[in-house]
Structure formats: structure tokens, C-alpha cells
N, C-alpha and C. Protein backbone atom coordinates (compact mmCIF):
# COMPACT_ATOMS: atom_id res chain seq x y z
N UNK A 1 143.80 100.79 -117.20
CA UNK A 1 143.36 101.78 -116.24
C UNK A 1 143.24 103.14 -116.93
N UNK A 2 142.12 103.79 -116.73
CA UNK A 2 141.91 105.13 -117.27
C UNK A 2 142.38 106.17 -116.27
N UNK A 3 142.74 107.34 -116.78
CA UNK A 3 143.15 108.43 -115.89
C UNK A 3 142.23 109.62 -116.08
N UNK A 4 142.29 110.55 -115.16
CA UNK A 4 141.51 111.78 -115.15
C UNK A 4 140.01 111.51 -115.09
N UNK A 5 139.50 111.52 -113.89
CA UNK A 5 138.07 111.27 -113.69
C UNK A 5 137.24 112.52 -113.89
N UNK A 6 137.88 113.67 -113.91
CA UNK A 6 137.15 114.93 -114.07
C UNK A 6 137.11 115.33 -115.54
N UNK A 7 135.99 115.90 -115.96
CA UNK A 7 135.85 116.34 -117.35
C UNK A 7 136.54 117.67 -117.60
N UNK A 8 136.74 118.46 -116.53
CA UNK A 8 137.40 119.75 -116.68
C UNK A 8 138.09 120.14 -115.39
N UNK A 9 139.06 121.03 -115.48
CA UNK A 9 139.74 121.51 -114.27
C UNK A 9 138.77 122.32 -113.41
N UNK A 10 137.81 122.99 -114.03
CA UNK A 10 136.79 123.74 -113.29
C UNK A 10 135.92 122.77 -112.47
N UNK A 11 135.54 121.65 -113.07
CA UNK A 11 134.76 120.65 -112.34
C UNK A 11 135.53 120.07 -111.17
N UNK A 12 136.80 119.79 -111.39
CA UNK A 12 137.65 119.29 -110.32
C UNK A 12 137.75 120.31 -109.19
N UNK A 13 137.96 121.57 -109.54
CA UNK A 13 138.07 122.63 -108.53
C UNK A 13 136.79 122.70 -107.68
N UNK A 14 135.62 122.63 -108.34
CA UNK A 14 134.35 122.72 -107.60
C UNK A 14 134.16 121.53 -106.67
N UNK A 15 134.52 120.34 -107.12
CA UNK A 15 134.40 119.15 -106.27
C UNK A 15 135.32 119.27 -105.06
N UNK A 16 136.55 119.73 -105.26
CA UNK A 16 137.49 119.85 -104.15
C UNK A 16 137.07 120.96 -103.18
N UNK A 17 136.43 122.01 -103.68
CA UNK A 17 135.87 123.03 -102.79
C UNK A 17 134.74 122.44 -101.94
N UNK A 18 133.90 121.64 -102.57
CA UNK A 18 132.81 120.97 -101.85
C UNK A 18 133.39 120.01 -100.81
N UNK A 19 134.42 119.29 -101.18
CA UNK A 19 135.12 118.37 -100.27
C UNK A 19 135.56 119.13 -99.01
N UNK A 20 136.29 120.23 -99.22
CA UNK A 20 136.79 121.02 -98.08
C UNK A 20 135.66 121.61 -97.25
N UNK A 21 134.58 122.03 -97.91
CA UNK A 21 133.43 122.59 -97.20
C UNK A 21 132.78 121.54 -96.30
N UNK A 22 132.55 120.33 -96.81
CA UNK A 22 131.99 119.25 -96.00
C UNK A 22 132.92 118.91 -94.84
N UNK A 23 134.22 118.82 -95.12
CA UNK A 23 135.18 118.47 -94.08
C UNK A 23 135.18 119.52 -92.97
N UNK A 24 135.19 120.79 -93.34
CA UNK A 24 135.23 121.87 -92.35
C UNK A 24 133.94 121.99 -91.56
N UNK A 25 132.82 121.54 -92.12
CA UNK A 25 131.52 121.67 -91.45
C UNK A 25 131.36 120.70 -90.28
N UNK A 26 132.23 119.72 -90.16
CA UNK A 26 132.06 118.69 -89.13
C UNK A 26 132.64 119.06 -87.78
N UNK A 27 133.45 120.09 -87.71
CA UNK A 27 134.07 120.48 -86.45
C UNK A 27 134.86 119.32 -85.83
N UNK A 28 135.58 118.62 -86.70
CA UNK A 28 136.44 117.51 -86.29
C UNK A 28 137.82 117.80 -86.86
N UNK A 29 138.86 117.60 -86.04
CA UNK A 29 140.22 117.83 -86.51
C UNK A 29 140.72 116.57 -87.21
N UNK A 30 141.09 116.72 -88.47
CA UNK A 30 141.62 115.62 -89.26
C UNK A 30 143.07 115.88 -89.61
N UNK A 31 143.86 114.82 -89.63
CA UNK A 31 145.19 114.86 -90.22
C UNK A 31 145.04 114.33 -91.63
N UNK A 32 145.83 114.88 -92.53
CA UNK A 32 145.86 114.39 -93.91
C UNK A 32 147.09 113.53 -94.07
N UNK A 33 146.89 112.35 -94.65
CA UNK A 33 148.01 111.44 -94.92
C UNK A 33 147.99 111.06 -96.40
N UNK A 34 149.15 110.73 -96.89
CA UNK A 34 149.26 110.19 -98.25
C UNK A 34 149.87 108.80 -98.12
N UNK A 35 149.24 107.84 -98.77
CA UNK A 35 149.69 106.46 -98.75
C UNK A 35 149.96 106.04 -100.19
N UNK A 36 151.09 105.41 -100.43
CA UNK A 36 151.40 104.90 -101.76
C UNK A 36 150.77 103.52 -101.94
N UNK A 37 150.17 103.30 -103.09
CA UNK A 37 149.63 101.98 -103.45
C UNK A 37 150.13 101.63 -104.85
N UNK A 38 149.94 100.39 -105.22
CA UNK A 38 150.37 99.96 -106.56
C UNK A 38 149.61 100.68 -107.67
N UNK A 39 148.49 101.33 -107.32
CA UNK A 39 147.66 102.03 -108.31
C UNK A 39 147.86 103.54 -108.29
N UNK A 40 148.57 104.03 -107.30
CA UNK A 40 148.80 105.47 -107.20
C UNK A 40 148.59 105.96 -105.77
N UNK A 41 148.83 107.24 -105.58
CA UNK A 41 148.74 107.85 -104.24
C UNK A 41 147.30 107.88 -103.76
N UNK A 42 147.14 107.63 -102.46
CA UNK A 42 145.82 107.68 -101.82
C UNK A 42 145.86 108.66 -100.68
N UNK A 43 144.89 109.57 -100.68
CA UNK A 43 144.73 110.55 -99.61
C UNK A 43 143.85 109.93 -98.52
N UNK A 44 144.26 110.10 -97.26
CA UNK A 44 143.53 109.51 -96.14
C UNK A 44 143.29 110.59 -95.09
N UNK A 45 142.05 110.71 -94.64
CA UNK A 45 141.71 111.56 -93.50
C UNK A 45 141.82 110.70 -92.25
N UNK A 46 142.48 111.25 -91.21
CA UNK A 46 142.70 110.50 -89.98
C UNK A 46 142.26 111.37 -88.81
N UNK A 47 141.53 110.77 -87.87
CA UNK A 47 141.12 111.48 -86.67
C UNK A 47 140.99 110.49 -85.52
N UNK A 48 140.95 111.00 -84.32
CA UNK A 48 140.79 110.18 -83.13
C UNK A 48 142.12 109.91 -82.45
N UNK A 49 142.06 109.43 -81.21
CA UNK A 49 143.28 109.19 -80.44
C UNK A 49 144.15 108.09 -81.05
N UNK A 50 145.45 108.29 -81.02
CA UNK A 50 146.38 107.30 -81.60
C UNK A 50 146.21 105.92 -80.98
N UNK A 51 145.81 105.85 -79.72
CA UNK A 51 145.62 104.57 -79.03
C UNK A 51 144.24 103.99 -79.26
N UNK A 52 143.39 104.72 -79.99
CA UNK A 52 142.02 104.26 -80.23
C UNK A 52 141.98 103.02 -81.11
N UNK A 53 140.89 102.30 -81.00
CA UNK A 53 140.66 101.12 -81.82
C UNK A 53 140.59 101.55 -83.28
N UNK A 54 141.42 100.97 -84.17
CA UNK A 54 141.44 101.42 -85.56
C UNK A 54 140.18 101.02 -86.34
N UNK A 55 139.62 102.02 -87.02
CA UNK A 55 138.45 101.82 -87.86
C UNK A 55 138.76 102.44 -89.23
N UNK A 56 138.57 101.66 -90.28
CA UNK A 56 138.76 102.15 -91.64
C UNK A 56 137.39 102.28 -92.28
N UNK A 57 137.10 103.47 -92.78
CA UNK A 57 135.80 103.76 -93.38
C UNK A 57 135.99 104.03 -94.86
N UNK A 58 135.32 103.23 -95.70
CA UNK A 58 135.35 103.45 -97.14
C UNK A 58 134.01 104.02 -97.58
N UNK A 59 134.08 105.09 -98.34
CA UNK A 59 132.85 105.81 -98.72
C UNK A 59 132.22 105.24 -99.98
N UNK A 60 131.01 105.69 -100.24
CA UNK A 60 130.27 105.25 -101.41
C UNK A 60 130.90 105.75 -102.70
N UNK A 61 130.55 105.11 -103.78
CA UNK A 61 131.11 105.45 -105.09
C UNK A 61 130.62 106.79 -105.59
N UNK A 62 131.50 107.47 -106.31
CA UNK A 62 131.21 108.76 -106.93
C UNK A 62 130.68 109.79 -105.94
N UNK A 63 131.12 109.67 -104.70
CA UNK A 63 130.81 110.66 -103.67
C UNK A 63 132.13 111.08 -103.04
N UNK A 64 132.05 112.12 -102.25
CA UNK A 64 133.27 112.58 -101.57
C UNK A 64 133.32 112.04 -100.15
N UNK A 65 134.50 111.71 -99.73
CA UNK A 65 134.75 111.10 -98.44
C UNK A 65 134.09 111.86 -97.28
N UNK A 66 134.30 113.17 -97.13
CA UNK A 66 133.70 113.87 -95.98
C UNK A 66 132.17 113.83 -95.95
N UNK A 67 131.55 113.70 -97.11
CA UNK A 67 130.10 113.60 -97.17
C UNK A 67 129.63 112.35 -96.44
N UNK A 68 130.29 111.23 -96.68
CA UNK A 68 129.95 109.99 -95.99
C UNK A 68 130.30 110.03 -94.52
N UNK A 69 131.41 110.69 -94.20
CA UNK A 69 131.83 110.79 -92.79
C UNK A 69 130.85 111.60 -91.95
N UNK A 70 130.20 112.59 -92.56
CA UNK A 70 129.24 113.40 -91.80
C UNK A 70 128.13 112.55 -91.21
N UNK A 71 127.77 111.48 -91.89
CA UNK A 71 126.74 110.58 -91.38
C UNK A 71 127.20 109.76 -90.19
N UNK A 72 128.50 109.76 -89.93
CA UNK A 72 129.08 108.99 -88.82
C UNK A 72 129.67 109.91 -87.76
N UNK A 73 129.15 111.11 -87.68
CA UNK A 73 129.73 112.14 -86.79
C UNK A 73 129.78 111.68 -85.34
N UNK A 74 128.79 110.92 -84.88
CA UNK A 74 128.81 110.46 -83.48
C UNK A 74 129.98 109.52 -83.22
N UNK A 75 130.29 108.67 -84.18
CA UNK A 75 131.45 107.77 -84.04
C UNK A 75 132.73 108.58 -84.04
N UNK A 76 132.80 109.57 -84.94
CA UNK A 76 134.00 110.39 -85.05
C UNK A 76 134.31 111.13 -83.76
N UNK A 77 133.26 111.57 -83.06
CA UNK A 77 133.44 112.40 -81.87
C UNK A 77 133.49 111.61 -80.57
N UNK A 78 133.36 110.29 -80.59
CA UNK A 78 133.36 109.49 -79.37
C UNK A 78 134.71 109.48 -78.66
N UNK A 79 135.78 109.58 -79.43
CA UNK A 79 137.11 109.55 -78.83
C UNK A 79 137.60 108.15 -78.49
N UNK A 80 136.88 107.12 -78.92
CA UNK A 80 137.29 105.74 -78.65
C UNK A 80 138.01 105.11 -79.83
N UNK A 81 137.84 105.72 -81.00
CA UNK A 81 138.32 105.09 -82.23
C UNK A 81 139.33 105.98 -82.95
N UNK A 82 140.28 105.35 -83.60
CA UNK A 82 141.20 106.01 -84.50
C UNK A 82 140.64 105.76 -85.90
N UNK A 83 140.10 106.79 -86.52
CA UNK A 83 139.40 106.67 -87.78
C UNK A 83 140.37 106.95 -88.93
N UNK A 84 140.36 106.05 -89.90
CA UNK A 84 141.13 106.22 -91.14
C UNK A 84 140.12 106.18 -92.28
N UNK A 85 140.04 107.25 -93.04
CA UNK A 85 139.07 107.33 -94.12
C UNK A 85 139.77 107.67 -95.44
N UNK A 86 140.09 106.64 -96.23
CA UNK A 86 140.76 106.90 -97.51
C UNK A 86 139.78 107.42 -98.56
N UNK A 87 140.26 108.34 -99.39
CA UNK A 87 139.51 108.76 -100.57
C UNK A 87 139.67 107.65 -101.60
N UNK A 88 138.59 107.05 -102.00
CA UNK A 88 138.67 105.95 -102.96
C UNK A 88 139.33 106.40 -104.24
N UNK A 89 140.35 105.68 -104.63
CA UNK A 89 141.08 105.99 -105.85
C UNK A 89 140.13 105.90 -107.05
N UNK A 90 140.26 106.85 -107.96
CA UNK A 90 139.41 106.84 -109.14
C UNK A 90 138.02 107.40 -108.93
N UNK A 91 137.77 107.99 -107.76
CA UNK A 91 136.48 108.60 -107.44
C UNK A 91 136.74 110.04 -107.01
N UNK A 92 135.72 110.88 -106.94
CA UNK A 92 135.96 112.27 -106.55
C UNK A 92 136.69 112.35 -105.21
N UNK A 93 137.65 113.24 -105.13
CA UNK A 93 138.42 113.41 -103.91
C UNK A 93 139.86 113.74 -104.23
N UNK A 94 140.73 113.43 -103.29
CA UNK A 94 142.11 113.87 -103.37
C UNK A 94 143.10 112.73 -103.64
N UNK A 95 142.60 111.56 -103.99
CA UNK A 95 143.47 110.44 -104.36
C UNK A 95 143.74 110.48 -105.86
N UNK A 96 144.64 109.59 -106.30
CA UNK A 96 144.99 109.53 -107.72
C UNK A 96 143.74 109.33 -108.57
N UNK A 97 143.76 109.94 -109.73
CA UNK A 97 142.64 109.85 -110.67
C UNK A 97 142.83 108.66 -111.60
N UNK A 98 142.85 107.49 -111.02
CA UNK A 98 143.04 106.25 -111.78
C UNK A 98 141.80 105.40 -111.59
N UNK A 99 141.09 105.13 -112.67
CA UNK A 99 139.88 104.31 -112.58
C UNK A 99 140.26 102.83 -112.59
N UNK A 100 139.79 102.13 -111.58
CA UNK A 100 140.02 100.69 -111.48
C UNK A 100 138.76 99.95 -111.90
N UNK A 101 138.90 98.68 -112.19
CA UNK A 101 137.75 97.86 -112.54
C UNK A 101 137.05 97.38 -111.28
N UNK A 102 135.73 97.51 -111.27
CA UNK A 102 134.94 96.96 -110.16
C UNK A 102 134.69 95.47 -110.36
N UNK A 103 135.08 94.94 -111.53
CA UNK A 103 134.81 93.54 -111.84
C UNK A 103 135.94 92.58 -111.53
N UNK A 104 137.03 93.08 -110.98
CA UNK A 104 138.13 92.19 -110.61
C UNK A 104 138.57 92.52 -109.17
N UNK A 105 139.75 92.09 -108.80
CA UNK A 105 140.22 92.27 -107.42
C UNK A 105 140.98 93.58 -107.19
N UNK A 106 141.00 94.47 -108.18
CA UNK A 106 141.80 95.70 -108.07
C UNK A 106 141.48 96.51 -106.82
N UNK A 107 140.21 96.73 -106.54
CA UNK A 107 139.86 97.55 -105.37
C UNK A 107 140.24 96.86 -104.06
N UNK A 108 140.14 95.56 -104.00
CA UNK A 108 140.59 94.83 -102.81
C UNK A 108 142.09 94.94 -102.63
N UNK A 109 142.82 94.85 -103.73
CA UNK A 109 144.27 95.03 -103.68
C UNK A 109 144.63 96.45 -103.26
N UNK A 110 143.88 97.43 -103.79
CA UNK A 110 144.11 98.82 -103.40
C UNK A 110 143.92 99.00 -101.89
N UNK A 111 142.81 98.49 -101.34
CA UNK A 111 142.56 98.66 -99.91
C UNK A 111 143.60 97.92 -99.08
N UNK A 112 144.05 96.77 -99.54
CA UNK A 112 145.13 96.05 -98.86
C UNK A 112 146.39 96.91 -98.80
N UNK A 113 146.72 97.55 -99.92
CA UNK A 113 147.88 98.46 -99.96
C UNK A 113 147.70 99.63 -99.00
N UNK A 114 146.48 100.15 -98.92
CA UNK A 114 146.21 101.27 -98.00
C UNK A 114 146.44 100.83 -96.56
N UNK A 115 145.88 99.68 -96.19
CA UNK A 115 146.07 99.17 -94.82
C UNK A 115 147.55 98.97 -94.51
N UNK A 116 148.29 98.39 -95.46
CA UNK A 116 149.73 98.21 -95.28
C UNK A 116 150.43 99.56 -95.12
N UNK A 117 150.07 100.52 -95.96
CA UNK A 117 150.68 101.85 -95.90
C UNK A 117 150.41 102.58 -94.60
N UNK A 118 149.27 102.26 -93.98
CA UNK A 118 148.92 102.86 -92.69
C UNK A 118 149.50 102.06 -91.53
N UNK A 119 150.08 100.91 -91.81
CA UNK A 119 150.65 100.07 -90.76
C UNK A 119 149.60 99.36 -89.93
N UNK A 120 148.45 99.06 -90.53
CA UNK A 120 147.36 98.40 -89.82
C UNK A 120 147.33 96.91 -90.13
N UNK A 121 147.58 96.10 -89.10
CA UNK A 121 147.48 94.64 -89.27
C UNK A 121 146.03 94.18 -89.19
N UNK A 122 145.24 94.88 -88.39
CA UNK A 122 143.82 94.58 -88.30
C UNK A 122 143.07 95.86 -87.93
N UNK A 123 141.82 95.92 -88.35
CA UNK A 123 140.99 97.09 -88.10
C UNK A 123 139.53 96.71 -88.31
N UNK A 124 138.66 97.48 -87.72
CA UNK A 124 137.24 97.38 -88.03
C UNK A 124 137.05 98.08 -89.37
N UNK A 125 136.29 97.46 -90.28
CA UNK A 125 136.04 98.05 -91.59
C UNK A 125 134.56 98.41 -91.70
N UNK A 126 134.31 99.64 -92.10
CA UNK A 126 132.95 100.12 -92.34
C UNK A 126 132.90 100.63 -93.76
N UNK A 127 131.98 100.11 -94.56
CA UNK A 127 131.87 100.55 -95.94
C UNK A 127 130.44 100.91 -96.27
N UNK A 128 130.27 102.08 -96.85
CA UNK A 128 128.96 102.50 -97.30
C UNK A 128 128.80 102.27 -98.78
N UNK A 129 127.76 101.58 -99.19
CA UNK A 129 127.45 101.36 -100.60
C UNK A 129 128.64 100.74 -101.33
N UNK A 130 129.22 101.45 -102.30
CA UNK A 130 130.36 100.92 -103.04
C UNK A 130 131.54 100.63 -102.11
N UNK A 131 131.65 101.39 -101.02
CA UNK A 131 132.71 101.14 -100.03
C UNK A 131 132.57 99.75 -99.42
N UNK A 132 131.34 99.26 -99.27
CA UNK A 132 131.12 97.91 -98.76
C UNK A 132 131.61 96.88 -99.78
N UNK A 133 131.42 97.17 -101.06
CA UNK A 133 131.92 96.28 -102.12
C UNK A 133 133.44 96.19 -102.07
N UNK A 134 134.08 97.34 -101.82
CA UNK A 134 135.54 97.35 -101.71
C UNK A 134 136.00 96.46 -100.55
N UNK A 135 135.29 96.57 -99.44
CA UNK A 135 135.61 95.76 -98.26
C UNK A 135 135.46 94.27 -98.58
N UNK A 136 134.41 93.92 -99.32
CA UNK A 136 134.22 92.52 -99.72
C UNK A 136 135.33 92.05 -100.65
N UNK A 137 135.79 92.92 -101.54
CA UNK A 137 136.91 92.57 -102.42
C UNK A 137 138.18 92.33 -101.61
N UNK A 138 138.38 93.11 -100.55
CA UNK A 138 139.51 92.89 -99.67
C UNK A 138 139.40 91.52 -99.00
N UNK A 139 138.23 91.19 -98.51
CA UNK A 139 138.02 89.89 -97.85
C UNK A 139 138.25 88.73 -98.80
N UNK A 140 137.88 88.94 -100.07
CA UNK A 140 138.05 87.87 -101.07
C UNK A 140 139.53 87.64 -101.34
């Protein structure tokens, strides 16, 4: 496993500023959670009523979580779902900077750990692009 996905601290700072800007532009209140996994800490954005139907959204590769969530703003604002959106480990965002292999079961194991850390026995899974691949790895 490789560490440090950013080439410079300046690059990391700019990405995290962009992350916060996208998140703040949605006019949605998010809670920030940290979940421990066997690969490192995972940052999760959470919104919606606690009694809502749980939905886990995995974003596309090499993108920031709030960017993908903006495309689902109608779902976020419905008030029917409890949305859990983890920052994919090893990709831009606020999770551990540990690169996993896309060629084995690592990402499926990571998502399994995230679900366990959130206390979710079952949930609707929505994955965009690489996030869909992660969901398939979980199913495998």
C-alpha cells in the first residue's frame, strides 16, 4: 500500500478547500464522522433523518465526495433517507491517504469495514463510476 496521494501540501490544501466549497454550496447540513477500517481512518458525510432508510453513496475515483453528492441533491433534500457518503480511502478527500489496489478485494473489504463502523446491517448502495466498482467488490 502506498501512502500520500498528494504531490504537495499546497495541492492537498487546495483540494480540501474545494471539498469544503462544494459541501457548503449544497445548503445541506452534514455531520462528519470518522470510521476506523483495516486500511485506515475513513471520513463520512452523514445527512438526513436518523430514522430514514439508510443509503450509502460511493463517489467516483479521483474526485471529491461533495462533488458527486451535488448531483444527487434532490435525494439529499427529500428527508426520506439517511445518507452516508464515505470519502474513498486513497482518493482526494478527508480519509486516510492509503492507496489500495483496484485489482483485488481491498476496496470491497474497506467498504465492508465502513458499513460495520457505521452499524449498518443493510443499506441501499449507490455508486458513481469507480464507486460502482467498489460496490461490486463488496458484493463479491
